[in-house]
Amino acid sequence: QGDVAVAVDIINASAAMIAAVTNTFFLWLQQRRPTYRRIEFE
């Protein structure tokens, strides 16, 4: 039941947006690392 989230898209990603989102992703990854043995991403 329920749709599966297969990706996260950032719409209209300008260079500044890409930089901000990448930094935010890194912080998210840093916070999640203790919970998961391994986090792979693309």
PDB file of all heavy atoms in Angstrom:
ATOM      1  N   GLN A   1       0.835  -1.198   0.000  1.00  0.00           N
ATOM      2  CA  GLN A   1       0.000   0.000   0.000  1.00  0.00           C
ATOM      3  C   GLN A   1       0.869   1.247   0.000  1.00  0.00           C
ATOM      4  O   GLN A   1       1.939   1.265   0.590  1.00  0.00           O
ATOM      5  CB  GLN A   1      -0.901   0.021   1.235  1.00  0.00           C
ATOM      6  CG  GLN A   1      -1.924  -1.076   1.244  1.00  0.00           C
ATOM      7  CD  GLN A   1      -2.844  -0.964   2.438  1.00  0.00           C
ATOM      8  OE1 GLN A   1      -2.584  -0.217   3.372  1.00  0.00           O
ATOM      9  NE2 GLN A   1      -3.929  -1.703   2.420  1.00  0.00           N
ATOM     10  N   GLY A   2       0.388   2.292  -0.645  1.00  0.00           N
ATOM     11  CA  GLY A   2       1.067   3.583  -0.635  1.00  0.00           C
ATOM     12  C   GLY A   2       2.200   3.676  -1.628  1.00  0.00           C
ATOM     13  O   GLY A   2       2.923   2.717  -1.849  1.00  0.00           O
ATOM     14  N   ASP A   3       2.333   4.842  -2.247  1.00  0.00           N
ATOM     15  CA  ASP A   3       3.425   5.072  -3.184  1.00  0.00           C
ATOM     16  C   ASP A   3       4.765   5.027  -2.466  1.00  0.00           C
ATOM     17  O   ASP A   3       4.861   5.329  -1.282  1.00  0.00           O
ATOM     18  CB  ASP A   3       3.265   6.432  -3.865  1.00  0.00           C
ATOM     19  CG  ASP A   3       2.156   6.431  -4.907  1.00  0.00           C
ATOM     20  OD1 ASP A   3       1.679   5.337  -5.260  1.00  0.00           O
ATOM     21  OD2 ASP A   3       1.773   7.521  -5.356  1.00  0.00           O
ATOM     22  N   VAL A   4       5.810   4.687  -3.216  1.00  0.00           N
ATOM     23  CA  VAL A   4       7.164   4.602  -2.692  1.00  0.00           C
ATOM     24  C   VAL A   4       7.941   5.822  -3.173  1.00  0.00           C
ATOM     25  O   VAL A   4       7.958   6.118  -4.372  1.00  0.00           O
ATOM     26  CB  VAL A   4       7.864   3.310  -3.187  1.00  0.00           C
ATOM     27  CG1 VAL A   4       9.300   3.250  -2.694  1.00  0.00           C
ATOM     28  CG2 VAL A   4       7.085   2.082  -2.735  1.00  0.00           C
ATOM     29  N   ALA A   5       8.581   6.525  -2.253  1.00  0.00           N
ATOM     30  CA  ALA A   5       9.417   7.677  -2.613  1.00  0.00           C
ATOM     31  C   ALA A   5      10.743   7.141  -3.143  1.00  0.00           C
ATOM     32  O   ALA A   5      11.503   6.529  -2.405  1.00  0.00           O
ATOM     33  CB  ALA A   5       9.646   8.570  -1.407  1.00  0.00           C
ATOM     34  N   VAL A   6      11.005   7.348  -4.441  1.00  0.00           N
ATOM     35  CA  VAL A   6      12.206   6.803  -5.071  1.00  0.00           C
ATOM     36  C   VAL A   6      13.309   7.836  -5.238  1.00  0.00           C
ATOM     37  O   VAL A   6      14.457   7.477  -5.516  1.00  0.00           O
ATOM     38  CB  VAL A   6      11.888   6.142  -6.434  1.00  0.00           C
ATOM     39  CG1 VAL A   6      10.974   4.940  -6.241  1.00  0.00           C
ATOM     40  CG2 VAL A   6      11.281   7.136  -7.404  1.00  0.00           C
ATOM     41  N   ALA A   7      12.993   9.113  -5.076  1.00  0.00           N
ATOM     42  CA  ALA A   7      14.003  10.171  -5.201  1.00  0.00           C
ATOM     43  C   ALA A   7      13.462  11.460  -4.606  1.00  0.00           C
ATOM     44  O   ALA A   7      12.262  11.626  -4.426  1.00  0.00           O
ATOM     45  CB  ALA A   7      14.372  10.387  -6.663  1.00  0.00           C
ATOM     46  N   VAL A   8      14.393  12.367  -4.324  1.00  0.00           N
ATOM     47  CA  VAL A   8      14.045  13.715  -3.888  1.00  0.00           C
ATOM     48  C   VAL A   8      14.536  14.654  -4.975  1.00  0.00           C
ATOM     49  O   VAL A   8      15.712  14.640  -5.339  1.00  0.00           O
ATOM     50  CB  VAL A   8      14.720  14.080  -2.545  1.00  0.00           C
ATOM     51  CG1 VAL A   8      14.435  15.530  -2.169  1.00  0.00           C
ATOM     52  CG2 VAL A   8      14.264  13.147  -1.443  1.00  0.00           C
ATOM     53  N   ASP A   9      13.636  15.449  -5.522  1.00  0.00           N
ATOM     54  CA  ASP A   9      13.976  16.413  -6.564  1.00  0.00           C
ATOM     55  C   ASP A   9      13.888  17.827  -6.000  1.00  0.00           C
ATOM     56  O   ASP A   9      12.952  18.165  -5.285  1.00  0.00           O
ATOM     57  CB  ASP A   9      13.010  16.301  -7.753  1.00  0.00           C
ATOM     58  CG  ASP A   9      13.137  14.979  -8.484  1.00  0.00           C
ATOM     59  OD1 ASP A   9      14.283  14.563  -8.761  1.00  0.00           O
ATOM     60  OD2 ASP A   9      12.101  14.369  -8.782  1.00  0.00           O
ATOM     61  N   ILE A  10      14.881  18.618  -6.344  1.00  0.00           N
ATOM     62  CA  ILE A  10      14.877  20.045  -6.026  1.00  0.00           C
ATOM     63  C   ILE A  10      14.619  20.744  -7.355  1.00  0.00           C
ATOM     64  O   ILE A  10      15.455  20.721  -8.257  1.00  0.00           O
ATOM     65  CB  ILE A  10      16.227  20.504  -5.432  1.00  0.00           C
ATOM     66  CG1 ILE A  10      16.644  19.611  -4.261  1.00  0.00           C
ATOM     67  CG2 ILE A  10      16.156  21.974  -5.041  1.00  0.00           C
ATOM     68  CD1 ILE A  10      15.685  19.553  -3.109  1.00  0.00           C
ATOM     69  N   ILE A  11      13.442  21.314  -7.497  1.00  0.00           N
ATOM     70  CA  ILE A  11      13.008  21.917  -8.761  1.00  0.00           C
ATOM     71  C   ILE A  11      13.702  23.264  -8.981  1.00  0.00           C
ATOM     72  O   ILE A  11      13.951  23.988  -8.029  1.00  0.00           O
ATOM     73  CB  ILE A  11      11.481  22.109  -8.775  1.00  0.00           C
ATOM     74  CG1 ILE A  11      10.760  20.849  -8.305  1.00  0.00           C
ATOM     75  CG2 ILE A  11      11.000  22.537 -10.149  1.00  0.00           C
ATOM     76  CD1 ILE A  11      10.927  19.636  -9.152  1.00  0.00           C
ATOM     77  N   ASN A  12      13.956  23.592 -10.255  1.00  0.00           N
ATOM     78  CA  ASN A  12      14.591  24.863 -10.635  1.00  0.00           C
ATOM     79  C   ASN A  12      15.878  25.099  -9.854  1.00  0.00           C
ATOM     80  O   ASN A  12      16.066  26.138  -9.224  1.00  0.00           O
ATOM     81  CB  ASN A  12      13.627  26.044 -10.446  1.00  0.00           C
ATOM     82  CG  ASN A  12      12.418  25.909 -11.329  1.00  0.00           C
ATOM     83  OD1 ASN A  12      12.516  25.449 -12.465  1.00  0.00           O
ATOM     84  ND2 ASN A  12      11.259  26.300 -10.818  1.00  0.00           N
ATOM     85  N   ALA A  13      16.764  24.124  -9.899  1.00  0.00           N
ATOM     86  CA  ALA A  13      17.998  24.157  -9.119  1.00  0.00           C
ATOM     87  C   ALA A  13      19.062  25.037  -9.779  1.00  0.00           C
ATOM     88  O   ALA A  13      19.782  24.608 -10.661  1.00  0.00           O
ATOM     89  CB  ALA A  13      18.514  22.731  -8.926  1.00  0.00           C
ATOM     90  N   SER A  14      19.140  26.274  -9.320  1.00  0.00           N
ATOM     91  CA  SER A  14      20.181  27.195  -9.766  1.00  0.00           C
ATOM     92  C   SER A  14      21.498  26.801  -9.087  1.00  0.00           C
ATOM     93  O   SER A  14      21.512  25.979  -8.171  1.00  0.00           O
ATOM     94  CB  SER A  14      19.813  28.621  -9.367  1.00  0.00           C
ATOM     95  OG  SER A  14      19.801  28.728  -7.948  1.00  0.00           O
ATOM     96  N   ALA A  15      22.597  27.415  -9.501  1.00  0.00           N
ATOM     97  CA  ALA A  15      23.894  27.125  -8.894  1.00  0.00           C
ATOM     98  C   ALA A  15      23.868  27.404  -7.395  1.00  0.00           C
ATOM     99  O   ALA A  15      24.383  26.621  -6.594  1.00  0.00           O
ATOM    100  CB  ALA A  15      24.988  27.932  -9.581  1.00  0.00           C
ATOM    101  N   ALA A  16      23.265  28.524  -6.997  1.00  0.00           N
ATOM    102  CA  ALA A  16      23.181  28.861  -5.569  1.00  0.00           C
ATOM    103  C   ALA A  16      22.326  27.836  -4.823  1.00  0.00           C
ATOM    104  O   ALA A  16      22.654  27.440  -3.701  1.00  0.00           O
ATOM    105  CB  ALA A  16      22.605  30.260  -5.387  1.00  0.00           C
ATOM    106  N   MET A  17      21.237  27.399  -5.441  1.00  0.00           N
ATOM    107  CA  MET A  17      20.362  26.397  -4.825  1.00  0.00           C
ATOM    108  C   MET A  17      21.110  25.074  -4.675  1.00  0.00           C
ATOM    109  O   MET A  17      21.026  24.423  -3.636  1.00  0.00           O
ATOM    110  CB  MET A  17      19.107  26.200  -5.674  1.00  0.00           C
ATOM    111  CG  MET A  17      18.181  25.110  -5.164  1.00  0.00           C
ATOM    112  SD  MET A  17      17.276  25.559  -3.686  1.00  0.00           S
ATOM    113  CE  MET A  17      16.039  26.611  -4.360  1.00  0.00           C
ATOM    114  N   ILE A  18      21.867  24.681  -5.698  1.00  0.00           N
ATOM    115  CA  ILE A  18      22.628  23.436  -5.634  1.00  0.00           C
ATOM    116  C   ILE A  18      23.614  23.483  -4.469  1.00  0.00           C
ATOM    117  O   ILE A  18      23.733  22.526  -3.706  1.00  0.00           O
ATOM    118  CB  ILE A  18      23.351  23.153  -6.971  1.00  0.00           C
ATOM    119  CG1 ILE A  18      22.320  22.795  -8.055  1.00  0.00           C
ATOM    120  CG2 ILE A  18      24.372  22.025  -6.813  1.00  0.00           C
ATOM    121  CD1 ILE A  18      22.896  22.687  -9.452  1.00  0.00           C
ATOM    122  N   ALA A  19      24.312  24.601  -4.308  1.00  0.00           N
ATOM    123  CA  ALA A  19      25.265  24.733  -3.209  1.00  0.00           C
ATOM    124  C   ALA A  19      24.565  24.636  -1.854  1.00  0.00           C
ATOM    125  O   ALA A  19      25.020  23.921  -0.958  1.00  0.00           O
ATOM    126  CB  ALA A  19      26.017  26.057  -3.328  1.00  0.00           C
ATOM    127  N   ALA A  20      23.454  25.335  -1.696  1.00  0.00           N
ATOM    128  CA  ALA A  20      22.725  25.318  -0.421  1.00  0.00           C
ATOM    129  C   ALA A  20      22.169  23.932  -0.107  1.00  0.00           C
ATOM    130  O   ALA A  20      22.263  23.451   1.025  1.00  0.00           O
ATOM    131  CB  ALA A  20      21.600  26.351  -0.448  1.00  0.00           C
ATOM    132  N   VAL A  21      21.596  23.281  -1.118  1.00  0.00           N
ATOM    133  CA  VAL A  21      21.016  21.954  -0.901  1.00  0.00           C
ATOM    134  C   VAL A  21      22.112  20.932  -0.610  1.00  0.00           C
ATOM    135  O   VAL A  21      21.946  20.051   0.239  1.00  0.00           O
ATOM    136  CB  VAL A  21      20.150  21.520  -2.109  1.00  0.00           C
ATOM    137  CG1 VAL A  21      19.740  20.072  -1.998  1.00  0.00           C
ATOM    138  CG2 VAL A  21      18.930  22.417  -2.216  1.00  0.00           C
ATOM    139  N   THR A  22      23.245  21.057  -1.293  1.00  0.00           N
ATOM    140  CA  THR A  22      24.350  20.125  -1.052  1.00  0.00           C
ATOM    141  C   THR A  22      24.847  20.255   0.385  1.00  0.00           C
ATOM    142  O   THR A  22      25.098  19.256   1.056  1.00  0.00           O
ATOM    143  CB  THR A  22      25.491  20.371  -2.055  1.00  0.00           C
ATOM    144  OG1 THR A  22      24.977  20.198  -3.375  1.00  0.00           O
ATOM    145  CG2 THR A  22      26.624  19.395  -1.841  1.00  0.00           C
ATOM    146  N   ASN A  23      24.970  21.477   0.874  1.00  0.00           N
ATOM    147  CA  ASN A  23      25.376  21.689   2.270  1.00  0.00           C
ATOM    148  C   ASN A  23      24.339  21.128   3.236  1.00  0.00           C
ATOM    149  O   ASN A  23      24.685  20.517   4.251  1.00  0.00           O
ATOM    150  CB  ASN A  23      25.625  23.170   2.547  1.00  0.00           C
ATOM    151  CG  ASN A  23      26.896  23.648   1.895  1.00  0.00           C
ATOM    152  OD1 ASN A  23      27.827  22.881   1.686  1.00  0.00           O
ATOM    153  ND2 ASN A  23      26.937  24.926   1.569  1.00  0.00           N
ATOM    154  N   THR A  24      23.084  21.322   2.919  1.00  0.00           N
ATOM    155  CA  THR A  24      22.005  20.795   3.752  1.00  0.00           C
ATOM    156  C   THR A  24      22.021  19.272   3.744  1.00  0.00           C
ATOM    157  O   THR A  24      21.837  18.632   4.779  1.00  0.00           O
ATOM    158  CB  THR A  24      20.648  21.333   3.273  1.00  0.00           C
ATOM    159  OG1 THR A  24      20.669  22.757   3.379  1.00  0.00           O
ATOM    160  CG2 THR A  24      19.499  20.783   4.103  1.00  0.00           C
ATOM    161  N   PHE A  25      22.272  18.680   2.572  1.00  0.00           N
ATOM    162  CA  PHE A  25      22.377  17.221   2.465  1.00  0.00           C
ATOM    163  C   PHE A  25      23.513  16.703   3.335  1.00  0.00           C
ATOM    164  O   PHE A  25      23.370  15.702   4.034  1.00  0.00           O
ATOM    165  CB  PHE A  25      22.595  16.806   1.002  1.00  0.00           C
ATOM    166  CG  PHE A  25      22.879  15.339   0.834  1.00  0.00           C
ATOM    167  CD1 PHE A  25      21.881  14.393   1.018  1.00  0.00           C
ATOM    168  CD2 PHE A  25      24.144  14.902   0.490  1.00  0.00           C
ATOM    169  CE1 PHE A  25      22.140  13.038   0.869  1.00  0.00           C
ATOM    170  CE2 PHE A  25      24.406  13.544   0.339  1.00  0.00           C
ATOM    171  CZ  PHE A  25      23.404  12.616   0.526  1.00  0.00           C
ATOM    172  N   PHE A  26      24.651  17.393   3.318  1.00  0.00           N
ATOM    173  CA  PHE A  26      25.777  16.961   4.127  1.00  0.00           C
ATOM    174  C   PHE A  26      25.418  16.970   5.615  1.00  0.00           C
ATOM    175  O   PHE A  26      25.735  16.027   6.340  1.00  0.00           O
ATOM    176  CB  PHE A  26      27.011  17.832   3.873  1.00  0.00           C
ATOM    177  CG  PHE A  26      28.166  17.457   4.758  1.00  0.00           C
ATOM    178  CD1 PHE A  26      28.858  16.285   4.549  1.00  0.00           C
ATOM    179  CD2 PHE A  26      28.522  18.264   5.822  1.00  0.00           C
ATOM    180  CE1 PHE A  26      29.914  15.920   5.376  1.00  0.00           C
ATOM    181  CE2 PHE A  26      29.571  17.914   6.656  1.00  0.00           C
ATOM    182  CZ  PHE A  26      30.268  16.739   6.428  1.00  0.00           C
ATOM    183  N   LEU A  27      24.742  18.028   6.070  1.00  0.00           N
ATOM    184  CA  LEU A  27      24.324  18.081   7.471  1.00  0.00           C
ATOM    185  C   LEU A  27      23.355  16.956   7.801  1.00  0.00           C
ATOM    186  O   LEU A  27      23.436  16.333   8.869  1.00  0.00           O
ATOM    187  CB  LEU A  27      23.698  19.440   7.789  1.00  0.00           C
ATOM    188  CG  LEU A  27      24.655  20.624   7.736  1.00  0.00           C
ATOM    189  CD1 LEU A  27      23.886  21.934   7.889  1.00  0.00           C
ATOM    190  CD2 LEU A  27      25.723  20.497   8.809  1.00  0.00           C
ATOM    191  N   TRP A  28      22.427  16.674   6.875  1.00  0.00           N
ATOM    192  CA  TRP A  28      21.477  15.578   7.060  1.00  0.00           C
ATOM    193  C   TRP A  28      22.232  14.254   7.165  1.00  0.00           C
ATOM    194  O   TRP A  28      21.961  13.442   8.049  1.00  0.00           O
ATOM    195  CB  TRP A  28      20.499  15.554   5.885  1.00  0.00           C
ATOM    196  CG  TRP A  28      19.557  14.393   5.884  1.00  0.00           C
ATOM    197  CD1 TRP A  28      18.368  14.302   6.542  1.00  0.00           C
ATOM    198  CD2 TRP A  28      19.726  13.158   5.185  1.00  0.00           C
ATOM    199  NE1 TRP A  28      17.785  13.077   6.291  1.00  0.00           N
ATOM    200  CE2 TRP A  28      18.603  12.358   5.462  1.00  0.00           C
ATOM    201  CE3 TRP A  28      20.715  12.652   4.350  1.00  0.00           C
ATOM    202  CZ2 TRP A  28      18.442  11.086   4.944  1.00  0.00           C
ATOM    203  CZ3 TRP A  28      20.566  11.376   3.825  1.00  0.00           C
ATOM    204  CH2 TRP A  28      19.428  10.610   4.127  1.00  0.00           C
ATOM    205  N   LEU A  29      23.196  14.068   6.265  1.00  0.00           N
ATOM    206  CA  LEU A  29      23.989  12.841   6.254  1.00  0.00           C
ATOM    207  C   LEU A  29      24.762  12.678   7.561  1.00  0.00           C
ATOM    208  O   LEU A  29      24.801  11.585   8.144  1.00  0.00           O
ATOM    209  CB  LEU A  29      24.960  12.906   5.064  1.00  0.00           C
ATOM    210  CG  LEU A  29      25.707  11.658   4.662  1.00  0.00           C
ATOM    211  CD1 LEU A  29      24.738  10.562   4.239  1.00  0.00           C
ATOM    212  CD2 LEU A  29      26.647  11.982   3.500  1.00  0.00           C
ATOM    213  N   GLN A  30      25.319  13.768   8.036  1.00  0.00           N
ATOM    214  CA  GLN A  30      26.061  13.766   9.295  1.00  0.00           C
ATOM    215  C   GLN A  30      25.160  13.359  10.459  1.00  0.00           C
ATOM    216  O   GLN A  30      25.572  12.592  11.331  1.00  0.00           O
ATOM    217  CB  GLN A  30      26.629  15.164   9.510  1.00  0.00           C
ATOM    218  CG  GLN A  30      27.745  15.274  10.473  1.00  0.00           C
ATOM    219  CD  GLN A  30      28.346  16.672  10.447  1.00  0.00           C
ATOM    220  OE1 GLN A  30      27.650  17.656  10.171  1.00  0.00           O
ATOM    221  NE2 GLN A  30      29.618  16.769  10.742  1.00  0.00           N
ATOM    222  N   GLN A  31      23.930  13.844  10.477  1.00  0.00           N
ATOM    223  CA  GLN A  31      22.986  13.518  11.544  1.00  0.00           C
ATOM    224  C   GLN A  31      22.479  12.076  11.454  1.00  0.00           C
ATOM    225  O   GLN A  31      22.170  11.461  12.471  1.00  0.00           O
ATOM    226  CB  GLN A  31      21.787  14.472  11.501  1.00  0.00           C
ATOM    227  CG  GLN A  31      22.133  15.889  11.851  1.00  0.00           C
ATOM    228  CD  GLN A  31      22.520  16.028  13.302  1.00  0.00           C
ATOM    229  OE1 GLN A  31      21.877  15.469  14.182  1.00  0.00           O
ATOM    230  NE2 GLN A  31      23.583  16.762  13.564  1.00  0.00           N
ATOM    231  N   ARG A  32      22.353  11.544  10.243  1.00  0.00           N
ATOM    232  CA  ARG A  32      21.804  10.201  10.052  1.00  0.00           C
ATOM    233  C   ARG A  32      22.844   9.103  10.193  1.00  0.00           C
ATOM    234  O   ARG A  32      22.527   7.956  10.414  1.00  0.00           O
ATOM    235  CB  ARG A  32      21.146  10.050   8.666  1.00  0.00           C
ATOM    236  CG  ARG A  32      19.954  10.957   8.411  1.00  0.00           C
ATOM    237  CD  ARG A  32      18.973  10.898   9.573  1.00  0.00           C
ATOM    238  NE  ARG A  32      17.882  11.834   9.474  1.00  0.00           N
ATOM    239  CZ  ARG A  32      17.906  13.086   9.915  1.00  0.00           C
ATOM    240  NH1 ARG A  32      18.980  13.618  10.424  1.00  0.00           N
ATOM    241  NH2 ARG A  32      16.839  13.847   9.836  1.00  0.00           N
ATOM    242  N   ARG A  33      24.097   9.432  10.015  1.00  0.00           N
ATOM    243  CA  ARG A  33      25.177   8.448  10.012  1.00  0.00           C
ATOM    244  C   ARG A  33      25.145   7.525  11.229  1.00  0.00           C
ATOM    245  O   ARG A  33      25.281   6.319  11.085  1.00  0.00           O
ATOM    246  CB  ARG A  33      26.500   9.199   9.890  1.00  0.00           C
ATOM    247  CG  ARG A  33      27.738   8.557   9.366  1.00  0.00           C
ATOM    248  CD  ARG A  33      27.762   7.107   9.117  1.00  0.00           C
ATOM    249  NE  ARG A  33      28.422   6.459  10.244  1.00  0.00           N
ATOM    250  CZ  ARG A  33      28.085   5.274  10.711  1.00  0.00           C
ATOM    251  NH1 ARG A  33      27.122   4.584  10.189  1.00  0.00           N
ATOM    252  NH2 ARG A  33      28.727   4.756  11.713  1.00  0.00           N
ATOM    253  N   PRO A  34      24.922   8.016  12.450  1.00  0.00           N
ATOM    254  CA  PRO A  34      24.893   7.098  13.586  1.00  0.00           C
ATOM    255  C   PRO A  34      23.741   6.085  13.534  1.00  0.00           C
ATOM    256  O   PRO A  34      23.822   5.017  14.125  1.00  0.00           O
ATOM    257  CB  PRO A  34      24.721   8.023  14.797  1.00  0.00           C
ATOM    258  CG  PRO A  34      25.237   9.347  14.338  1.00  0.00           C
ATOM    259  CD  PRO A  34      24.872   9.421  12.876  1.00  0.00           C
ATOM    260  N   THR A  35      22.676   6.400  12.821  1.00  0.00           N
ATOM    261  CA  THR A  35      21.504   5.530  12.759  1.00  0.00           C
ATOM    262  C   THR A  35      21.667   4.402  11.745  1.00  0.00           C
ATOM    263  O   THR A  35      21.143   3.317  11.932  1.00  0.00           O
ATOM    264  CB  THR A  35      20.256   6.364  12.385  1.00  0.00           C
ATOM    265  OG1 THR A  35      20.130   7.426  13.332  1.00  0.00           O
ATOM    266  CG2 THR A  35      18.997   5.528  12.405  1.00  0.00           C
ATOM    267  N   TYR A  36      22.388   4.672  10.679  1.00  0.00           N
ATOM    268  CA  TYR A  36      22.538   3.708   9.586  1.00  0.00           C
ATOM    269  C   TYR A  36      23.976   3.210   9.520  1.00  0.00           C
ATOM    270  O   TYR A  36      24.908   3.993   9.664  1.00  0.00           O
ATOM    271  CB  TYR A  36      22.175   4.360   8.242  1.00  0.00           C
ATOM    272  CG  TYR A  36      20.735   4.776   8.165  1.00  0.00           C
ATOM    273  CD1 TYR A  36      20.328   6.053   8.533  1.00  0.00           C
ATOM    274  CD2 TYR A  36      19.764   3.889   7.722  1.00  0.00           C
ATOM    275  CE1 TYR A  36      19.002   6.437   8.467  1.00  0.00           C
ATOM    276  CE2 TYR A  36      18.431   4.259   7.661  1.00  0.00           C
ATOM    277  CZ  TYR A  36      18.061   5.537   8.030  1.00  0.00           C
ATOM    278  OH  TYR A  36      16.750   5.902   7.964  1.00  0.00           O
ATOM    279  N   ARG A  37      24.169   1.934   9.288  1.00  0.00           N
ATOM    280  CA  ARG A  37      25.519   1.389   9.142  1.00  0.00           C
ATOM    281  C   ARG A  37      26.213   1.962   7.924  1.00  0.00           C
ATOM    282  O   ARG A  37      27.387   2.269   7.955  1.00  0.00           O
ATOM    283  CB  ARG A  37      25.472  -0.135   8.991  1.00  0.00           C
ATOM    284  CG  ARG A  37      25.169  -0.843  10.258  1.00  0.00           C
ATOM    285  CD  ARG A  37      25.379  -2.325  10.089  1.00  0.00           C
ATOM    286  NE  ARG A  37      24.866  -2.989  11.261  1.00  0.00           N
ATOM    287  CZ  ARG A  37      24.085  -4.039  11.237  1.00  0.00           C
ATOM    288  NH1 ARG A  37      23.742  -4.581  10.103  1.00  0.00           N
ATOM    289  NH2 ARG A  37      23.659  -4.568  12.351  1.00  0.00           N
ATOM    290  N   ARG A  38      25.469   2.083   6.840  1.00  0.00           N
ATOM    291  CA  ARG A  38      26.025   2.568   5.581  1.00  0.00           C
ATOM    292  C   ARG A  38      24.937   3.351   4.856  1.00  0.00           C
ATOM    293  O   ARG A  38      23.814   2.885   4.751  1.00  0.00           O
ATOM    294  CB  ARG A  38      26.478   1.386   4.727  1.00  0.00           C
ATOM    295  CG  ARG A  38      27.024   1.765   3.372  1.00  0.00           C
ATOM    296  CD  ARG A  38      27.488   0.508   2.625  1.00  0.00           C
ATOM    297  NE  ARG A  38      27.949   0.804   1.301  1.00  0.00           N
ATOM    298  CZ  ARG A  38      29.190   1.144   0.973  1.00  0.00           C
ATOM    299  NH1 ARG A  38      30.100   1.232   1.916  1.00  0.00           N
ATOM    300  NH2 ARG A  38      29.521   1.394  -0.269  1.00  0.00           N
ATOM    301  N   ILE A  39      25.301   4.513   4.375  1.00  0.00           N
ATOM    302  CA  ILE A  39      24.370   5.289   3.558  1.00  0.00           C
ATOM    303  C   ILE A  39      25.034   5.497   2.203  1.00  0.00           C
ATOM    304  O   ILE A  39      26.092   6.117   2.109  1.00  0.00           O
ATOM    305  CB  ILE A  39      24.038   6.650   4.198  1.00  0.00           C
ATOM    306  CG1 ILE A  39      23.379   6.462   5.562  1.00  0.00           C
ATOM    307  CG2 ILE A  39      23.121   7.449   3.260  1.00  0.00           C
ATOM    308  CD1 ILE A  39      23.108   7.759   6.302  1.00  0.00           C
ATOM    309  N   GLU A  40      24.419   4.932   1.188  1.00  0.00           N
ATOM    310  CA  GLU A  40      24.866   5.132  -0.186  1.00  0.00           C
ATOM    311  C   GLU A  40      23.918   6.134  -0.823  1.00  0.00           C
ATOM    312  O   GLU A  40      22.736   6.175  -0.493  1.00  0.00           O
ATOM    313  CB  GLU A  40      24.815   3.825  -0.972  1.00  0.00           C
ATOM    314  CG  GLU A  40      25.793   2.786  -0.481  1.00  0.00           C
ATOM    315  CD  GLU A  40      25.710   1.513  -1.302  1.00  0.00           C
ATOM    316  OE1 GLU A  40      25.866   1.590  -2.540  1.00  0.00           O
ATOM    317  OE2 GLU A  40      25.473   0.457  -0.684  1.00  0.00           O
ATOM    318  N   PHE A  41      24.436   6.930  -1.764  1.00  0.00           N
ATOM    319  CA  PHE A  41      23.603   7.939  -2.401  1.00  0.00           C
ATOM    320  C   PHE A  41      24.116   8.245  -3.795  1.00  0.00           C
ATOM    321  O   PHE A  41      25.251   7.940  -4.136  1.00  0.00           O
ATOM    322  CB  PHE A  41      23.585   9.225  -1.571  1.00  0.00           C
ATOM    323  CG  PHE A  41      24.950   9.858  -1.426  1.00  0.00           C
ATOM    324  CD1 PHE A  41      25.408  10.771  -2.363  1.00  0.00           C
ATOM    325  CD2 PHE A  41      25.782   9.517  -0.370  1.00  0.00           C
ATOM    326  CE1 PHE A  41      26.670  11.338  -2.249  1.00  0.00           C
ATOM    327  CE2 PHE A  41      27.038  10.072  -0.245  1.00  0.00           C
ATOM    328  CZ  PHE A  41      27.487  10.988  -1.187  1.00  0.00           C
ATOM    329  N   GLU A  42      23.236   8.861  -4.562  1.00  0.00           N
ATOM    330  CA  GLU A  42      23.602   9.403  -5.858  1.00  0.00           C
ATOM    331  C   GLU A  42      22.933  10.770  -5.965  1.00  0.00           C
ATOM    332  O   GLU A  42      21.784  10.939  -5.563  1.00  0.00           O
ATOM    333  CB  GLU A  42      23.129   8.514  -6.996  1.00  0.00           C
ATOM    334  CG  GLU A  42      23.504   9.092  -8.357  1.00  0.00           C
ATOM    335  CD  GLU A  42      23.088   8.214  -9.517  1.00  0.00           C
ATOM    336  OE1 GLU A  42      21.867   8.042  -9.704  1.00  0.00           O
ATOM    337  OE2 GLU A  42      23.976   7.715 -10.215  1.00  0.00           O
TER     338      GLU A  42
END
